[in-house]
Amino acid sequence: MARRANIEQYVFGTTSLIANRMAASIDVQLEGITYKQWFFLMMIDRMDALEKSVHDVAQFVGTTRQNARKIIEQLEHKGYAETSPSRFDARALNVKITRSGKSRLARSAPVVAAATGALFAEVSDAELQAFAATLGTLVSHLAAEDAEG
């Protein structure tokens, strides 16, 4: 059992390491936006809701409302997003991607795709599918924990 715990800790730590290194390598290639900001734009764009509050974005992305607000403020400052009070909840602040943000999202997508392609170049299709399935299991587990508590 101790061996499994060591492997679990290795996977957990390595996942964080990869995420940080990948973001840093993509940051160098992107102009005018960081990977984290691009990721937020992409996730906001994928949300189905007509009104997207800062709180909703934070939940969708899997971060705190404070962290989401900070990144959204950065996106606003760059002209890629705008916020406005909700029509339905006076306490909520809605987020919308601007035309400039949509353009930035589209222009940056090939850079991100090339970087992820390079990262997975030596990974077989079978390994990638198994890895994706494992990540799906972990995401489901985390979602269940969020729902409970």
Protein backbone atom coordinates (compact mmCIF):
# COMPACT_ATOMS: atom_id res chain seq x y z
CA MET A 1 0.00 0.00 0.00
CA ALA A 2 2.89 2.38 0.71
CA ARG A 3 4.06 1.89 -2.88
CA ARG A 4 0.65 2.92 -4.22
CA ALA A 5 0.66 6.01 -2.00
CA ASN A 6 4.09 6.95 -3.38
CA ILE A 7 2.84 6.56 -6.95
CA GLU A 8 -0.30 8.59 -6.20
CA GLN A 9 1.82 11.39 -4.70
CA TYR A 10 4.16 11.25 -7.70
CA VAL A 11 1.24 11.54 -10.13
CA PHE A 12 -0.30 14.39 -8.15
CA GLY A 13 2.95 16.34 -7.95
CA THR A 14 3.91 15.65 -11.55
CA THR A 15 0.50 16.81 -12.78
CA SER A 16 1.07 20.15 -11.05
CA LEU A 17 4.61 20.36 -12.39
CA ILE A 18 3.48 19.68 -15.96
CA ALA A 19 0.66 22.23 -15.72
CA ASN A 20 3.05 24.91 -14.44
CA ARG A 21 5.78 24.16 -17.00
CA MET A 22 3.34 23.99 -19.85
CA ALA A 23 1.73 27.30 -18.92
CA ALA A 24 5.17 28.93 -18.64
CA SER A 25 6.27 27.60 -22.03
CA ILE A 26 3.07 28.77 -23.71
CA ASP A 27 3.25 32.18 -21.99
CA VAL A 28 6.53 32.80 -23.85
CA GLN A 29 4.87 32.00 -27.18
CA LEU A 30 1.67 34.01 -26.70
CA GLU A 31 1.69 37.77 -27.19
CA GLY A 32 -0.53 40.00 -25.09
CA ILE A 33 -2.07 37.22 -23.03
CA THR A 34 -0.95 34.49 -20.65
CA TYR A 35 -1.98 30.87 -20.98
CA LYS A 36 -4.11 31.16 -17.84
CA GLN A 37 -5.92 34.19 -19.27
CA TRP A 38 -6.39 32.40 -22.61
CA PHE A 39 -7.72 29.35 -20.74
CA PHE A 40 -10.27 31.53 -18.94
CA LEU A 41 -11.41 33.06 -22.23
CA MET A 42 -11.76 29.60 -23.75
CA MET A 43 -13.73 28.29 -20.78
CA ILE A 44 -16.03 31.33 -20.66
CA ASP A 45 -16.61 30.90 -24.39
CA ARG A 46 -17.59 27.24 -23.83
CA MET A 47 -20.11 28.00 -21.10
CA ASP A 48 -23.70 27.57 -22.23
CA ALA A 49 -25.35 30.10 -19.92
CA LEU A 50 -26.53 33.36 -21.42
CA GLU A 51 -25.44 35.21 -18.28
CA LYS A 52 -22.08 34.11 -16.91
CA SER A 53 -21.35 35.43 -13.45
CA VAL A 54 -17.88 35.56 -11.96
CA HIS A 55 -19.08 32.90 -9.50
CA ASP A 56 -20.31 30.67 -12.35
CA VAL A 57 -17.02 31.07 -14.22
CA ALA A 58 -15.05 30.19 -11.08
CA GLN A 59 -17.09 27.02 -10.61
CA PHE A 60 -16.84 26.07 -14.28
CA VAL A 61 -13.05 26.57 -14.31
CA GLY A 62 -12.56 24.97 -10.89
CA THR A 63 -11.06 27.87 -9.00
CA THR A 64 -12.04 30.35 -6.34
CA ARG A 65 -14.23 33.36 -7.04
CA GLN A 66 -11.36 35.61 -5.94
CA ASN A 67 -8.93 34.00 -8.41
CA ALA A 68 -11.50 34.16 -11.20
CA ARG A 69 -12.18 37.83 -10.46
CA LYS A 70 -8.46 38.63 -10.59
CA ILE A 71 -8.00 36.99 -13.99
CA ILE A 72 -11.22 38.51 -15.34
CA GLU A 73 -9.98 41.96 -14.23
CA GLN A 74 -6.76 41.33 -16.19
CA LEU A 75 -8.81 40.34 -19.23
CA GLU A 76 -10.95 43.47 -18.85
CA HIS A 77 -7.85 45.65 -18.63
CA LYS A 78 -6.65 44.15 -21.94
CA GLY A 79 -10.05 44.66 -23.54
CA TYR A 80 -10.73 40.92 -23.94
CA ALA A 81 -13.66 40.76 -21.51
CA GLU A 82 -16.18 43.07 -19.92
CA THR A 83 -18.26 42.81 -16.78
CA SER A 84 -21.68 44.21 -15.99
CA PRO A 85 -24.19 43.85 -13.18
CA SER A 86 -26.59 40.92 -13.53
CA ARG A 87 -30.16 41.72 -14.52
CA PHE A 88 -31.37 38.90 -12.27
CA ASP A 89 -29.14 39.14 -9.18
CA ALA A 90 -27.97 42.53 -7.92
CA ARG A 91 -25.04 40.87 -6.13
CA ALA A 92 -23.71 39.12 -9.25
CA LEU A 93 -21.28 40.47 -11.79
CA ASN A 94 -21.58 38.99 -15.28
CA VAL A 95 -18.71 38.36 -17.65
CA LYS A 96 -18.78 38.62 -21.42
CA ILE A 97 -16.01 38.10 -23.96
CA THR A 98 -15.52 41.12 -26.20
CA ARG A 99 -15.03 40.99 -29.97
CA SER A 100 -11.33 41.62 -29.31
CA GLY A 101 -11.32 38.72 -26.83
CA LYS A 102 -12.91 36.38 -29.38
CA SER A 103 -10.27 37.40 -31.90
CA ARG A 104 -7.46 36.86 -29.38
CA LEU A 105 -8.89 33.47 -28.47
CA ALA A 106 -8.93 32.40 -32.13
CA ARG A 107 -5.44 33.75 -32.89
CA SER A 108 -3.94 32.04 -29.84
CA ALA A 109 -5.59 28.65 -30.35
CA PRO A 110 -3.00 27.38 -32.89
CA VAL A 111 -0.14 28.30 -30.55
CA VAL A 112 -1.73 26.36 -27.70
CA ALA A 113 -2.52 23.43 -30.02
CA ALA A 114 1.09 23.28 -31.24
CA ALA A 115 2.40 23.34 -27.67
CA THR A 116 0.10 20.55 -26.52
CA GLY A 117 0.87 18.58 -29.67
CA ALA A 118 4.59 18.83 -28.94
CA LEU A 119 4.06 17.74 -25.35
CA PHE A 120 2.14 14.61 -26.39
CA ALA A 121 4.21 13.80 -29.51
CA GLU A 122 5.87 10.77 -27.91
CA VAL A 123 2.66 9.46 -26.32
CA SER A 124 0.84 6.69 -28.21
CA ASP A 125 -2.86 6.94 -28.98
CA ALA A 126 -3.55 4.11 -26.51
CA GLU A 127 -1.56 5.84 -23.75
CA LEU A 128 -3.31 9.13 -24.44
CA GLN A 129 -6.75 7.51 -24.33
CA ALA A 130 -5.91 5.74 -21.06
CA PHE A 131 -4.59 8.98 -19.59
CA ALA A 132 -7.71 10.86 -20.68
CA ALA A 133 -9.90 8.18 -19.10
CA THR A 134 -7.93 8.41 -15.85
CA LEU A 135 -8.26 12.19 -15.82
CA GLY A 136 -12.00 11.82 -16.44
CA THR A 137 -12.25 9.55 -13.40
CA LEU A 138 -10.37 12.08 -11.26
CA VAL A 139 -12.54 14.96 -12.47
CA SER A 140 -15.69 12.97 -11.67
CA HIS A 141 -14.37 12.21 -8.20
CA LEU A 142 -13.56 15.88 -7.59
CA ALA A 143 -17.00 16.93 -8.87
CA ALA A 144 -18.64 14.48 -6.49
CA GLU A 145 -16.60 15.91 -3.60
CA ASP A 146 -17.65 19.43 -4.59
CA ALA A 147 -21.30 18.39 -4.68
CA GLU A 148 -21.03 16.90 -1.19
CA GLY A 149 -19.40 19.73 0.43
